[in-house]
Amino acid sequence: MIPLRGRSTTTGWTQPRTDIWQIARPDDPRVSERALLLDDDGRTRDGAGLYISKDQFLSGPGPTVHVPDELGHLAPGDVVVVSDDGTRVNVAWKATATHNSILLTERCDHYCLMCSQPPKDGDDSYLYGRAKRIISALPFAAKAVSLTGGEPTIDPHAFLDLLEHIAATRPNLSTHILSNGRRFSDKAFTTEYASVAIEDMMVGIPLYAADPSLHDYIVQSEDAFNTSVKGILNLVAAGAGVEIRVVIQKANVAQLSELARYITRNLPFVNQVVLMGLEMTGLARPNTDLVWVDPHDYRRELREAYHLLSSAGIYTRIYNHQLCVVDRELWPAAVQSISDWKNDYPDLCQPCSVKDQCSGVFSTSGSRLSPNLRPIVDVEMSS
């Protein structure tokens, strides 16, 4: 798990020109627009826009933010958000991370039973603008970003404006959008979205059941299934990439095969399907009795759904599942999908021979983990 925020102190503080800072290398020609880390003896280059110190007693030749020990992992290429008074630092981009995401809003028109980030109603439209500044500050080596919410399309104009900004500044940045898909039921909006000149862009849309009423129950919103499916169809018709996401939970586990058949018959042209394990945080915690099911107990359902989809030629992946609770025949499809900042391996996993290939667990899930986790010591992962 990688801590991404902390309280900080300052020296020589003046009002910064921006709240978003890429940490640069000392030889960066644009150092005046970026932040520099102080080395252990305080030596650094003059002229940086901001200095970051991991030592409370070392300051740079300009405004300096002293970060706490938990942010000691900061390194060149990372992008940080610094509050106006310098007392809070959030890591917006970790250069060495496998997954980087940018939150666009906490507003949403769903209220999913297992939502890991419960929606809020306040005006957070400033986040779209901050996302643009983060994109502008990304290191040249950045390859992929996930845009998340809430529902990222809740403000359609701000959303499309952000995509146009990515197209203008980083058109090669692989862009993955987590959306409930309902905005794309508007054909005009979908056409405008599909016209954005980002080379690699895909929307991940959830479908939780083939029964519309069950899907609507899980997302706690009327007519959600029909509008999401219409959104998927509009996206495909416009030539846009689509991923279907299925979060497996108590309410839908018995109907996984039925959903897989629905997808193979009605939506076989999507780019991929992802079968996902639960993150037991957010609304999933108070709704534990409604959503929690041990992955070890639905191995048969997972296997059947996977084979139905893959046999139909649909690229299918398994996310957020530990290898020890998945049938070995499915291991090649089980992806290390949990974001670095909330990925963990319990002590019992340390002797496991396939730990380096396993997804691990959500640190955010606390103690709500499968009681069937165990180290695998008799086999190595095949390539």
Protein backbone atom coordinates (compact mmCIF):
# COMPACT_ATOMS: atom_id res chain seq x y z
CA MET A 1 0.00 0.00 0.00
CA ILE A 2 1.31 3.46 -0.94
CA PRO A 3 0.14 6.44 1.20
CA LEU A 4 -1.06 9.26 -1.05
CA ARG A 5 -1.72 12.14 1.32
CA GLY A 6 -0.26 13.78 4.38
CA ARG A 7 -0.01 16.91 6.47
CA SER A 8 2.96 19.15 5.74
CA THR A 9 4.75 22.24 7.02
CA THR A 10 6.45 25.03 5.11
CA THR A 11 9.34 27.47 5.19
CA GLY A 12 9.73 30.59 3.06
CA TRP A 13 6.15 30.15 1.95
CA THR A 14 4.68 32.48 -0.66
CA GLN A 15 1.47 32.09 -2.62
CA PRO A 16 2.27 29.39 -5.22
CA ARG A 17 1.52 29.97 -8.87
CA THR A 18 -0.38 26.66 -9.01
CA ASP A 19 -1.59 23.83 -6.79
CA ILE A 20 -0.27 21.11 -9.14
CA TRP A 21 3.44 20.32 -9.27
CA GLN A 22 5.45 17.77 -11.19
CA ILE A 23 8.57 16.74 -9.28
CA ALA A 24 11.41 17.31 -11.71
CA ARG A 25 14.98 16.11 -12.00
CA PRO A 26 17.64 18.76 -11.24
CA ASP A 27 18.64 19.02 -14.91
CA ASP A 28 15.07 19.69 -16.08
CA PRO A 29 15.12 22.80 -18.31
CA ARG A 30 11.65 23.75 -17.06
CA VAL A 31 12.63 23.60 -13.40
CA SER A 32 11.21 27.07 -12.73
CA GLU A 33 7.75 25.61 -13.40
CA ARG A 34 8.27 22.49 -11.33
CA ALA A 35 9.20 21.20 -7.89
CA LEU A 36 12.57 19.82 -6.81
CA LEU A 37 13.35 17.36 -4.05
CA LEU A 38 16.09 18.27 -1.62
CA ASP A 39 18.76 15.60 -1.26
CA ASP A 40 19.97 14.41 2.14
CA ASP A 41 22.41 17.29 2.64
CA GLY A 42 20.07 19.95 1.31
CA ARG A 43 21.91 20.60 -1.95
CA THR A 44 19.72 21.48 -4.87
CA ARG A 45 19.44 23.71 -7.90
CA ASP A 46 18.31 27.32 -7.60
CA GLY A 47 15.28 28.61 -9.45
CA ALA A 48 12.73 25.86 -8.86
CA GLY A 49 9.10 26.89 -8.48
CA LEU A 50 8.81 24.81 -5.31
CA TYR A 51 11.08 22.70 -3.11
CA ILE A 52 10.03 19.49 -1.38
CA SER A 53 11.94 18.31 1.66
CA LYS A 54 11.65 14.96 3.41
CA ASP A 55 13.56 16.46 6.36
CA GLN A 56 11.82 18.92 8.66
CA PHE A 57 15.13 20.75 9.20
CA LEU A 58 16.23 21.13 5.57
CA SER A 59 14.89 23.95 3.43
CA GLY A 60 15.55 24.99 -0.15
CA PRO A 61 16.44 28.39 -1.58
CA GLY A 62 12.76 29.08 -2.23
CA PRO A 63 9.32 28.10 -0.94
CA THR A 64 9.69 24.69 0.69
CA VAL A 65 7.13 22.05 1.66
CA HIS A 66 8.26 19.59 4.33
CA VAL A 67 6.40 16.31 3.76
CA PRO A 68 5.76 13.67 6.44
CA ASP A 69 7.50 10.30 6.56
CA GLU A 70 4.60 8.53 4.87
CA LEU A 71 5.30 10.55 1.71
CA GLY A 72 8.96 9.65 1.75
CA HIS A 73 8.35 7.65 -1.44
CA LEU A 74 8.05 10.85 -3.52
CA ALA A 75 10.39 10.85 -6.51
CA PRO A 76 10.98 12.68 -9.82
CA GLY A 77 8.08 12.15 -12.20
CA ASP A 78 5.46 12.17 -9.46
CA VAL A 79 2.78 14.87 -9.50
CA VAL A 80 1.50 16.37 -6.26
CA VAL A 81 -1.36 18.65 -5.26
CA VAL A 82 -0.32 21.21 -2.64
CA SER A 83 -2.92 23.20 -0.71
CA ASP A 84 -2.75 27.00 -0.91
CA ASP A 85 -1.25 27.25 2.57
CA GLY A 86 1.14 24.34 2.04
CA THR A 87 -0.23 22.29 4.94
CA ARG A 88 -1.58 19.39 2.86
CA VAL A 89 0.04 17.37 0.09
CA ASN A 90 -1.78 14.79 -2.04
CA VAL A 91 -0.09 12.58 -4.60
CA ALA A 92 -2.06 12.93 -7.84
CA TRP A 93 0.28 10.80 -9.96
CA LYS A 94 2.85 8.19 -8.98
CA ALA A 95 5.32 7.66 -11.82
CA THR A 96 6.18 4.11 -10.75
CA ALA A 97 2.58 3.03 -10.12
CA THR A 98 0.86 0.47 -12.30
CA HIS A 99 -2.46 2.30 -12.04
CA ASN A 100 -3.05 6.04 -11.86
CA SER A 101 -6.52 7.54 -11.69
CA ILE A 102 -7.94 11.05 -11.53
CA LEU A 103 -11.18 11.76 -9.66
CA LEU A 104 -13.49 14.03 -11.66
CA THR A 105 -16.44 14.23 -9.29
CA GLU A 106 -18.06 12.58 -6.29
CA ARG A 107 -21.54 13.21 -7.67
CA CYS A 108 -23.42 10.29 -9.20
CA ASP A 109 -26.92 9.34 -10.40
CA HIS A 110 -26.54 5.82 -8.95
CA TYR A 111 -26.26 4.71 -5.34
CA CYS A 112 -24.82 1.23 -5.76
CA LEU A 113 -25.14 -1.15 -2.82
CA MET A 114 -21.39 -1.83 -2.84
CA CYS A 115 -20.09 1.57 -4.00
CA SER A 116 -16.51 1.98 -2.76
CA GLN A 117 -16.82 5.78 -2.86
CA PRO A 118 -20.33 6.82 -1.81
CA PRO A 119 -21.62 9.75 -3.87
CA LYS A 120 -21.92 13.24 -2.47
CA ASP A 121 -24.22 16.04 -3.61
CA GLY A 122 -21.96 19.08 -3.13
CA ASP A 123 -20.65 21.20 -5.98
CA ASP A 124 -17.23 19.77 -6.81
CA SER A 125 -17.04 21.06 -10.38
CA TYR A 126 -13.56 22.43 -9.61
CA LEU A 127 -12.26 18.86 -9.88
CA TYR A 128 -12.61 18.90 -13.68
CA GLY A 129 -10.35 21.94 -13.86
CA ARG A 130 -7.88 20.38 -11.47
CA ALA A 131 -7.85 17.27 -13.64
CA LYS A 132 -6.83 19.40 -16.62
CA ARG A 133 -3.95 20.86 -14.62
CA ILE A 134 -2.84 17.37 -13.55
CA ILE A 135 -2.87 16.21 -17.17
CA SER A 136 -0.77 19.23 -18.15
CA ALA A 137 1.74 18.41 -15.41
CA LEU A 138 2.20 14.73 -16.27
CA PRO A 139 5.71 13.50 -17.06
CA PHE A 140 6.48 12.69 -20.68
CA ALA A 141 6.70 8.98 -19.82
CA ALA A 142 3.09 8.77 -18.60
CA LYS A 143 1.25 6.17 -20.65
CA ALA A 144 -2.23 5.60 -19.19
CA VAL A 145 -4.81 7.23 -16.96
CA SER A 146 -8.19 6.24 -15.54
CA LEU A 147 -10.87 8.89 -15.13
CA THR A 148 -13.19 8.07 -12.24
CA GLY A 149 -16.01 9.37 -10.08
CA GLY A 150 -18.74 9.46 -8.92
CA GLU A 151 -20.02 9.54 -12.45
CA PRO A 152 -17.45 11.33 -14.67
CA THR A 153 -20.10 12.39 -17.21
CA ILE A 154 -22.38 14.01 -14.60
CA ASP A 155 -21.28 17.37 -16.07
CA PRO A 156 -21.16 16.48 -19.77
CA HIS A 157 -19.63 19.76 -20.96
CA ALA A 158 -16.82 19.71 -18.38
CA PHE A 159 -16.18 16.04 -19.15
CA LEU A 160 -15.89 16.59 -22.89
CA ASP A 161 -13.76 19.68 -22.31
CA LEU A 162 -11.33 17.58 -20.28
CA LEU A 163 -11.14 14.96 -23.03
CA GLU A 164 -10.43 17.68 -25.59
CA HIS A 165 -7.65 18.92 -23.33
CA ILE A 166 -6.14 15.43 -23.21
CA ALA A 167 -6.42 15.19 -27.00
CA ALA A 168 -4.68 18.55 -27.43
CA THR A 169 -1.89 17.97 -24.92
CA ARG A 170 -1.46 14.19 -24.54
CA PRO A 171 -3.23 12.42 -27.45
CA ASN A 172 -1.14 9.28 -26.91
CA LEU A 173 -2.26 8.91 -23.29
CA SER A 174 -4.34 5.73 -23.01
CA THR A 175 -7.56 6.91 -21.36
CA HIS A 176 -9.95 4.63 -19.50
CA ILE A 177 -13.22 6.06 -18.20
CA LEU A 178 -15.28 4.43 -15.44
CA SER A 179 -18.89 5.36 -16.13
CA ASN A 180 -22.33 3.89 -15.52
CA GLY A 181 -22.92 4.47 -19.24
CA ARG A 182 -26.24 6.25 -18.95
CA ARG A 183 -25.05 9.55 -20.43
CA PHE A 184 -24.11 7.65 -23.59
CA SER A 185 -27.77 6.80 -24.17
CA ASP A 186 -27.80 10.33 -25.63
CA LYS A 187 -26.70 9.73 -29.21
CA ALA A 188 -25.58 13.35 -29.78
CA PHE A 189 -23.38 13.24 -26.68
CA THR A 190 -21.93 9.88 -27.74
CA THR A 191 -21.14 11.18 -31.22
CA GLU A 192 -19.31 14.16 -29.74
CA TYR A 193 -17.43 11.88 -27.33
CA ALA A 194 -16.37 9.50 -30.11
CA SER A 195 -15.03 12.39 -32.18
CA VAL A 196 -12.40 13.32 -29.57
CA ALA A 197 -8.96 12.60 -31.02
CA ILE A 198 -7.48 10.44 -28.26
CA GLU A 199 -5.79 7.45 -29.85
CA ASP A 200 -6.69 4.89 -27.17
CA MET A 201 -9.89 5.56 -25.22
CA MET A 202 -12.36 3.14 -23.63
CA VAL A 203 -15.38 3.36 -21.33
CA GLY A 204 -15.83 0.72 -18.60
CA ILE A 205 -19.57 0.28 -17.97
CA PRO A 206 -21.13 -2.00 -15.32
CA LEU A 207 -23.79 -4.60 -16.00
CA TYR A 208 -24.65 -6.61 -12.92
CA ALA A 209 -27.43 -8.89 -14.14
CA ALA A 210 -29.35 -9.89 -17.25
CA ASP A 211 -32.54 -9.18 -15.33
CA PRO A 212 -33.10 -5.41 -15.58
CA SER A 213 -34.86 -5.26 -12.22
CA LEU A 214 -31.93 -6.92 -10.44
CA HIS A 215 -29.39 -4.61 -12.06
CA ASP A 216 -31.55 -1.61 -11.12
CA TYR A 217 -31.80 -2.88 -7.54
CA ILE A 218 -28.02 -3.21 -7.22
CA VAL A 219 -27.41 0.32 -8.54
CA GLN A 220 -30.49 1.70 -6.72
CA SER A 221 -31.78 3.57 -9.75
CA GLU A 222 -34.81 3.05 -11.99
CA ASP A 223 -34.38 2.18 -15.67
CA ALA A 224 -30.61 2.00 -15.20
CA PHE A 225 -30.20 -1.28 -17.08
CA ASN A 226 -32.03 -0.09 -20.20
CA THR A 227 -30.23 3.24 -20.44
CA SER A 228 -26.81 1.67 -19.77
CA VAL A 229 -27.34 -0.94 -22.48
CA LYS A 230 -28.50 1.78 -24.86
CA GLY A 231 -25.32 3.67 -23.99
CA ILE A 232 -23.21 0.62 -24.80
CA LEU A 233 -24.97 0.19 -28.15
CA ASN A 234 -24.52 3.87 -29.02
CA LEU A 235 -20.83 3.72 -28.17
CA VAL A 236 -20.24 0.64 -30.30
CA ALA A 237 -22.21 2.17 -33.19
CA ALA A 238 -19.98 5.26 -32.96
CA GLY A 239 -16.85 3.10 -33.11
CA ALA A 240 -15.84 3.73 -29.49
CA GLY A 241 -14.21 1.20 -27.17
CA VAL A 242 -16.40 -0.44 -24.50
CA GLU A 243 -15.62 -2.65 -21.55
CA ILE A 244 -18.36 -4.33 -19.49
CA ARG A 245 -17.63 -4.58 -15.76
CA VAL A 246 -19.34 -7.13 -13.54
CA VAL A 247 -18.83 -6.77 -9.79
CA ILE A 248 -19.67 -10.16 -8.29
CA GLN A 249 -21.75 -10.00 -5.12
CA LYS A 250 -24.36 -11.88 -3.16
CA ALA A 251 -27.29 -10.57 -5.20
CA ASN A 252 -25.98 -11.58 -8.64
CA VAL A 253 -23.61 -14.49 -8.08
CA ALA A 254 -26.25 -17.11 -8.86
CA GLN A 255 -27.03 -15.36 -12.15
CA LEU A 256 -23.50 -14.92 -13.48
CA SER A 257 -23.98 -17.53 -16.20
CA GLU A 258 -27.26 -15.93 -17.26
CA LEU A 259 -25.52 -12.56 -17.55
CA ALA A 260 -22.66 -14.11 -19.52
CA ARG A 261 -25.16 -15.62 -21.96
CA TYR A 262 -26.94 -12.27 -22.29
CA ILE A 263 -23.66 -10.58 -23.19
CA THR A 264 -22.66 -13.26 -25.71
CA ARG A 265 -26.05 -13.02 -27.43
CA ASN A 266 -26.67 -9.28 -27.30
CA LEU A 267 -23.33 -7.51 -26.78
CA PRO A 268 -20.65 -9.80 -28.26
CA PHE A 269 -18.97 -6.86 -29.97
CA VAL A 270 -17.68 -5.17 -26.78
CA ASN A 271 -13.90 -4.96 -26.44
CA GLN A 272 -13.73 -6.92 -23.20
CA VAL A 273 -15.58 -8.12 -20.13
CA VAL A 274 -14.13 -7.93 -16.63
CA LEU A 275 -15.39 -10.14 -13.80
CA MET A 276 -14.54 -8.33 -10.58
CA GLY A 277 -14.24 -9.13 -6.89
CA LEU A 278 -15.69 -6.83 -4.23
CA GLU A 279 -13.84 -4.05 -2.45
CA MET A 280 -15.39 -4.13 1.01
CA THR A 281 -15.34 -0.43 1.74
CA GLY A 282 -17.68 2.53 1.33
CA LEU A 283 -21.31 1.40 1.11
CA ALA A 284 -20.27 -2.26 0.98
CA ARG A 285 -19.49 -2.16 4.71
CA PRO A 286 -22.94 -1.19 6.04
CA ASN A 287 -24.44 -3.42 3.33
CA THR A 288 -22.21 -6.40 4.13
CA ASP A 289 -25.15 -8.79 4.59
CA LEU A 290 -26.52 -7.75 1.19
CA VAL A 291 -23.32 -7.90 -0.87
CA TRP A 292 -20.60 -10.05 0.69
CA VAL A 293 -19.93 -13.52 -0.67
CA ASP A 294 -16.70 -15.48 -0.28
CA PRO A 295 -14.99 -15.79 -3.71
CA HIS A 296 -14.02 -19.33 -2.77
CA ASP A 297 -17.73 -20.19 -2.68
CA TYR A 298 -18.48 -18.99 -6.22
CA ARG A 299 -15.60 -20.67 -8.04
CA ARG A 300 -18.02 -22.75 -10.14
CA GLU A 301 -20.10 -19.72 -11.14
CA LEU A 302 -16.99 -17.73 -12.02
CA ARG A 303 -15.59 -20.59 -14.09
CA GLU A 304 -18.85 -21.07 -16.00
CA ALA A 305 -19.25 -17.36 -16.75
CA TYR A 306 -15.65 -17.05 -17.88
CA HIS A 307 -15.89 -20.01 -20.26
CA LEU A 308 -19.20 -18.84 -21.71
CA LEU A 309 -17.71 -15.45 -22.53
CA SER A 310 -14.32 -16.57 -23.74
CA SER A 311 -15.81 -19.40 -25.83
CA ALA A 312 -17.85 -16.74 -27.63
CA GLY A 313 -14.62 -14.95 -28.54
CA ILE A 314 -15.06 -12.17 -25.98
CA TYR A 315 -11.82 -11.11 -24.33
CA THR A 316 -12.47 -11.75 -20.64
CA ARG A 317 -10.38 -10.86 -17.59
CA ILE A 318 -10.75 -11.54 -13.85
CA TYR A 319 -9.98 -8.63 -11.52
CA ASN A 320 -9.52 -8.34 -7.75
CA HIS A 321 -9.35 -12.08 -7.08
CA GLN A 322 -6.61 -13.91 -5.22
CA LEU A 323 -5.19 -16.90 -7.09
CA CYS A 324 -5.75 -19.21 -4.13
CA VAL A 325 -9.54 -18.77 -4.36
CA VAL A 326 -9.72 -19.10 -8.16
CA ASP A 327 -9.57 -22.37 -10.12
CA ARG A 328 -6.09 -22.81 -11.55
CA GLU A 329 -7.40 -23.03 -15.09
CA LEU A 330 -8.47 -19.37 -14.72
CA TRP A 331 -5.12 -18.09 -13.43
CA PRO A 332 -3.99 -16.77 -16.85
CA ALA A 333 -7.05 -14.50 -16.88
CA ALA A 334 -6.60 -13.25 -13.31
CA VAL A 335 -5.05 -9.79 -13.57
CA GLN A 336 -3.09 -7.81 -10.95
CA SER A 337 -5.76 -5.14 -10.97
CA ILE A 338 -5.83 -3.54 -7.51
CA SER A 339 -4.38 -0.02 -7.54
CA ASP A 340 -0.95 0.23 -5.95
CA TRP A 341 -2.07 2.63 -3.23
CA LYS A 342 -4.60 0.16 -1.81
CA ASN A 343 -2.96 -3.15 -2.70
CA ASP A 344 -1.75 -5.40 0.11
CA TYR A 345 -0.62 -8.95 0.88
CA PRO A 346 -1.47 -10.35 4.33
CA ASP A 347 1.29 -12.03 6.33
CA LEU A 348 -0.03 -15.46 5.41
CA CYS A 349 0.69 -14.66 1.74
CA GLN A 350 4.41 -14.09 2.21
CA PRO A 351 5.55 -17.71 1.54
CA CYS A 352 3.28 -18.04 -1.51
CA SER A 353 5.13 -19.15 -4.65
CA VAL A 354 2.81 -17.13 -6.94
CA LYS A 355 2.54 -13.99 -4.80
CA ASP A 356 4.27 -11.84 -7.43
CA GLN A 357 1.60 -12.76 -9.97
CA CYS A 358 -1.38 -12.52 -7.60
CA SER A 359 -3.73 -9.55 -7.33
CA GLY A 360 -3.38 -9.46 -3.54
CA VAL A 361 -6.16 -7.91 -1.45
CA PHE A 362 -7.71 -4.49 -0.94
CA SER A 363 -6.17 -2.87 2.13
CA THR A 364 -9.41 -0.84 2.23
CA SER A 365 -11.42 -4.01 2.87
CA GLY A 366 -10.01 -4.35 6.37
CA SER A 367 -10.64 -7.80 7.84
CA ARG A 368 -13.45 -8.66 5.42
CA LEU A 369 -11.42 -11.11 3.34
CA SER A 370 -12.00 -14.66 2.24
CA PRO A 371 -11.29 -17.06 5.13
CA ASN A 372 -9.97 -19.44 2.46
CA LEU A 373 -6.88 -17.39 1.61
CA ARG A 374 -3.80 -19.57 1.80
CA PRO A 375 -0.24 -19.57 0.46
CA ILE A 376 0.39 -21.69 -2.61
CA VAL A 377 3.75 -23.37 -2.27
CA ASP A 378 3.56 -26.29 -4.69
CA VAL A 379 3.38 -24.57 -8.06
CA GLU A 380 4.77 -21.69 -10.08
CA MET A 381 2.76 -19.50 -12.40
CA SER A 382 3.05 -20.61 -16.01
CA SER A 383 3.88 -17.97 -18.59
